[in-house]
Protein backbone atom coordinates (compact mmCIF):
# COMPACT_ATOMS: atom_id res chain seq x y z
CA MET A 1 93.92 78.78 143.70
CA ASP A 2 92.73 81.39 146.00
CA GLU A 3 89.92 79.98 147.92
CA LEU A 4 88.56 83.54 148.60
CA ILE A 5 86.78 85.38 146.04
CA GLU A 6 84.99 88.57 147.40
CA GLY A 7 85.23 87.25 150.76
CA TRP A 8 83.27 83.96 150.04
CA ARG A 9 84.96 80.81 150.87
CA PRO A 10 82.86 77.29 149.88
CA GLN A 11 83.24 74.82 152.84
CA VAL A 12 82.95 71.12 152.43
CA ALA A 13 80.83 69.16 154.74
CA ALA A 14 81.21 65.31 154.63
CA SER A 15 77.90 63.19 154.88
CA ILE A 16 78.77 60.01 156.23
CA LEU A 17 75.40 58.42 155.08
CA THR A 18 77.46 55.98 152.75
CA ALA A 19 80.52 55.35 155.13
CA ASP A 20 81.58 52.26 156.62
CA PHE A 21 79.66 52.09 160.06
CA GLY A 22 81.91 49.20 161.11
CA HIS A 23 84.94 51.44 161.38
CA LEU A 24 83.73 54.99 162.42
CA ASP A 25 87.30 55.87 163.86
CA ARG A 26 88.95 55.13 160.25
CA VAL A 27 86.09 56.94 158.56
CA VAL A 28 86.75 60.20 160.44
CA ARG A 29 90.58 59.96 160.18
CA LYS A 30 90.12 59.73 156.29
CA LEU A 31 87.81 62.76 156.08
CA GLU A 32 90.04 64.71 158.51
CA ARG A 33 93.10 63.77 156.36
CA ALA A 34 91.13 64.73 153.10
CA GLY A 35 90.65 68.26 154.47
CA VAL A 36 86.74 68.48 154.85
CA ASP A 37 85.62 71.56 156.99
CA ARG A 38 82.82 69.79 158.89
CA LEU A 39 80.68 66.75 159.23
CA HIS A 40 77.05 66.23 158.02
CA LEU A 41 75.09 63.45 159.96
CA ASP A 42 71.70 62.53 158.60
CA VAL A 43 69.35 61.23 161.16
CA MET A 44 66.09 59.47 159.70
CA ASP A 45 63.45 57.92 161.62
CA GLY A 46 61.55 55.92 159.01
CA HIS A 47 58.53 58.01 159.23
CA PHE A 48 59.16 61.56 158.02
CA VAL A 49 61.43 59.85 155.29
CA PRO A 50 61.19 56.15 154.20
CA ASN A 51 64.58 55.13 155.60
CA ILE A 52 66.10 54.49 159.01
CA THR A 53 69.70 55.67 159.89
CA PHE A 54 70.87 56.29 163.53
CA GLY A 55 70.15 58.29 166.69
CA PRO A 56 71.69 60.40 169.24
CA ASP A 57 74.09 57.67 170.34
CA ILE A 58 76.09 57.76 166.98
CA VAL A 59 76.16 61.61 166.87
CA ALA A 60 77.82 61.40 170.43
CA ALA A 61 80.21 58.98 168.93
CA PHE A 62 81.09 61.20 166.05
CA ARG A 63 81.65 63.95 168.74
CA ARG A 64 84.21 61.85 170.60
CA LEU A 65 86.03 61.12 167.65
CA THR A 66 86.60 64.58 165.95
CA ALA A 67 86.90 68.32 166.81
CA LEU A 68 85.32 69.11 163.42
CA PRO A 69 82.30 71.06 163.39
CA ILE A 70 79.19 68.50 163.03
CA ASP A 71 76.05 69.60 161.45
CA VAL A 72 73.27 67.45 162.67
CA HIS A 73 70.33 67.14 159.88
CA LEU A 74 67.11 65.74 161.47
CA MET A 75 64.96 64.20 158.69
CA ILE A 76 62.32 63.24 161.59
CA SER A 77 58.54 63.68 162.28
CA GLU A 78 59.04 64.99 165.73
CA PRO A 79 62.45 67.16 165.93
CA SER A 80 60.90 68.89 169.06
CA ARG A 81 60.68 65.53 170.92
CA TYR A 82 64.05 64.33 170.60
CA VAL A 83 66.35 67.67 169.89
CA ASP A 84 67.51 67.79 173.45
CA ARG A 85 69.21 64.40 173.12
CA PHE A 86 70.93 65.46 169.84
CA LEU A 87 72.20 68.68 171.58
CA GLN A 88 73.89 66.76 174.14
CA ALA A 89 76.57 66.01 171.75
CA SER A 90 77.40 69.63 171.15
CA PRO A 91 77.10 70.02 167.69
CA GLU A 92 77.84 73.05 165.48
CA THR A 93 74.23 73.18 163.93
CA VAL A 94 71.18 71.39 164.19
CA THR A 95 68.75 71.73 161.08
CA PHE A 96 65.30 69.98 160.94
CA HIS A 97 62.68 70.18 157.84
CA VAL A 98 60.32 72.97 157.60
CA GLU A 99 57.95 70.43 156.27
CA ALA A 100 57.81 68.45 159.59
CA PRO A 101 54.49 68.13 161.35
CA GLY A 102 53.69 70.69 163.95
CA THR A 103 52.54 74.23 164.38
CA ASP A 104 54.60 77.14 163.76
CA ASP A 105 54.82 77.65 167.39
CA LEU A 106 56.28 74.37 168.13
CA LYS A 107 58.62 74.76 165.30
CA ALA A 108 59.74 78.26 166.57
CA ALA A 109 60.24 76.93 170.19
CA THR A 110 62.46 74.30 168.70
CA LEU A 111 64.65 76.43 167.03
CA GLN A 112 64.97 78.76 170.18
CA ALA A 113 65.76 75.45 172.26
CA ILE A 114 68.72 74.73 169.68
CA ARG A 115 69.95 78.38 170.02
CA ASP A 116 69.66 78.41 173.87
CA ALA A 117 71.96 75.10 173.79
CA GLY A 118 74.43 77.20 171.95
CA ALA A 119 74.10 75.59 168.45
CA GLY A 120 73.11 77.04 165.22
CA ALA A 121 69.26 76.55 164.19
CA GLY A 122 68.51 75.64 160.91
CA LEU A 123 65.52 74.59 158.42
CA ALA A 124 65.69 72.68 155.38
CA VAL A 125 63.60 72.64 152.51
CA SER A 126 62.86 69.73 150.31
CA PRO A 127 62.76 70.04 146.38
CA GLY A 128 59.17 70.68 146.18
CA THR A 129 59.06 73.33 148.91
CA PRO A 130 59.47 76.99 148.19
CA THR A 131 62.03 79.03 150.22
CA THR A 132 59.18 81.42 151.37
CA ALA A 133 58.19 78.22 153.66
CA VAL A 134 60.96 79.66 156.04
CA GLU A 135 60.08 83.41 156.25
CA PRO A 136 58.00 82.97 159.49
CA PHE A 137 60.88 81.57 161.27
CA LEU A 138 63.96 83.86 160.00
CA ARG A 139 64.46 85.25 163.29
CA TRP A 140 65.36 82.22 164.89
CA LEU A 141 67.57 80.82 162.06
CA ASP A 142 71.12 80.77 161.49
CA VAL A 143 71.02 78.09 158.47
CA ILE A 144 68.76 77.58 155.51
CA MET A 145 69.47 74.40 153.97
CA VAL A 146 68.42 73.65 150.25
CA MET A 147 67.67 70.01 149.53
CA THR A 148 68.81 69.07 145.85
CA VAL A 149 67.42 65.55 146.18
CA GLU A 150 64.45 64.27 147.83
CA PRO A 151 65.22 63.44 151.16
CA GLY A 152 65.62 59.74 152.56
CA PHE A 153 68.56 57.99 150.79
CA GLY A 154 72.21 58.88 149.53
CA GLY A 155 73.33 58.47 145.92
CA GLN A 156 70.38 60.13 144.29
CA ARG A 157 70.56 62.45 141.17
CA PHE A 158 71.19 65.98 141.67
CA MET A 159 68.41 68.29 140.73
CA ALA A 160 70.00 71.72 139.46
CA SER A 161 66.44 73.04 139.37
CA ALA A 162 66.31 73.46 142.98
CA THR A 163 69.49 75.50 143.21
CA PRO A 164 68.15 79.13 142.70
CA LYS A 165 66.60 78.59 146.11
CA LEU A 166 70.18 79.21 147.44
CA GLY A 167 70.12 82.47 146.27
CA GLU A 168 66.36 82.98 147.71
CA ALA A 169 67.76 81.98 151.04
CA ALA A 170 70.51 84.07 151.13
CA GLN A 171 68.42 87.15 149.74
CA LEU A 172 66.05 86.41 152.83
CA PHE A 173 68.91 86.52 155.32
CA GLU A 174 70.09 89.67 153.66
CA ARG A 175 67.05 91.48 153.88
CA ALA A 176 66.24 90.41 157.47
CA GLY A 177 69.82 91.66 158.44
CA ILE A 178 70.90 87.96 159.41
CA ALA A 179 74.37 86.74 158.98
CA GLY A 180 72.72 83.25 158.16
CA SER A 181 74.41 80.45 156.27
CA THR A 182 73.21 78.61 153.21
CA HIS A 183 73.84 74.71 152.83
CA VAL A 184 73.21 72.60 150.03
CA ASP A 185 72.44 68.77 150.34
CA GLY A 186 72.11 66.16 147.60
CA GLY A 187 73.88 65.01 144.80
CA ILE A 188 77.05 67.28 145.21
CA SER A 189 80.21 66.15 143.53
CA ARG A 190 83.01 67.30 141.43
CA ASP A 191 80.48 67.36 138.63
CA THR A 192 77.63 69.47 140.27
CA ALA A 193 79.61 71.68 142.73
CA ALA A 194 79.92 74.53 140.00
CA VAL A 195 75.97 75.00 140.04
CA ALA A 196 76.11 75.24 143.79
CA GLY A 197 78.86 77.72 143.85
CA ALA A 198 77.16 79.55 141.10
CA TRP A 199 74.56 80.39 143.81
CA ALA A 200 77.25 80.80 146.50
CA ALA A 201 76.39 77.88 148.79
CA ASP A 202 78.33 78.36 152.15
CA VAL A 203 78.39 74.72 152.60
CA CYS A 204 78.13 72.15 149.96
CA VAL A 205 77.28 68.55 151.51
CA VAL A 206 79.19 65.80 149.79
CA GLY A 207 78.11 62.39 150.54
CA SER A 208 78.63 59.31 148.23
CA ALA A 209 81.18 61.20 146.11
CA LEU A 210 83.72 60.91 149.10
CA PHE A 211 83.46 56.95 149.28
CA GLN A 212 83.56 55.89 145.70
CA ARG A 213 86.07 53.15 145.03
CA GLY A 214 88.98 54.45 142.78
CA ARG A 215 88.71 57.89 143.78
CA ASP A 216 90.93 59.75 146.25
CA THR A 217 88.78 61.43 148.93
CA ALA A 218 91.30 64.39 149.20
CA ASP A 219 91.13 64.92 145.46
CA GLU A 220 87.25 65.02 145.53
CA VAL A 221 87.25 67.44 148.57
CA GLN A 222 89.53 69.75 146.31
CA LEU A 223 87.73 69.39 143.23
CA VAL A 224 84.40 70.39 144.88
CA ARG A 225 86.12 73.54 146.38
CA GLU A 226 87.74 74.31 143.25
CA ARG A 227 84.74 73.90 140.74
CA ALA A 228 82.49 75.63 143.03
CA LEU A 229 84.87 78.81 143.19
CA ASP A 230 84.84 78.58 139.36
CA GLY A 231 80.84 78.32 139.14
CA HIS A 232 80.87 81.51 141.84
CA SER A 233 83.37 83.35 139.33
CA ALA A 234 80.91 82.66 136.29
CA GLY A 235 77.76 83.42 138.34
CA PRO A 236 74.17 82.16 138.49
CA ALA A 237 73.65 82.43 134.94
CA SER A 238 76.19 79.65 134.10
CA GLY A 239 74.49 77.40 136.82
CA ALA A 240 70.98 77.87 136.14
């Protein structure tokens, strides 16, 4: 199947939240062989979300293991306090939540710090947050990430009702004349990729679906791409 439709190609980012952390090198090699486009690393602090994952040392370990682009997703209460340490691992992008505590000025300064370090700056919006919440920060944004599960745990059920925000995010970028990227995170698999594709998500974050027993990871990656393309061809009405 031709992966280019009207200039749009869906990328697959592998979320390693449910991977085997005892064998990170094997996990990375498996994902590289499967053909993922990038890695998605979820950092949780037990405060902003009710789960704890890992910190900057693990992000740095992934950087040593692969040349794939790394997207760092900070689900933490104080992104401004810790962002510099994550930037030391040279990620492609760093995204934190628009709902995180702090003033607009502090969030803008954090986004600018990410850009100054040479990474793409992003804001994530949780399912209950309107896309308009990121508007005050558009001038600093390279990524808008739409969450299709409540942030905090892998393996949750996909919320199709949140996907129209991908179209809204793309329109925000377009109206501002910004060549930004839209990411969708939460519950993406072969069964839900068409809905994400219908709204032209630039990056589909796929987590637990890549690590299921009895399923080949490379097949899952290919099916996510194919079904996202199918959804894009059919248009938003089919994925609403």
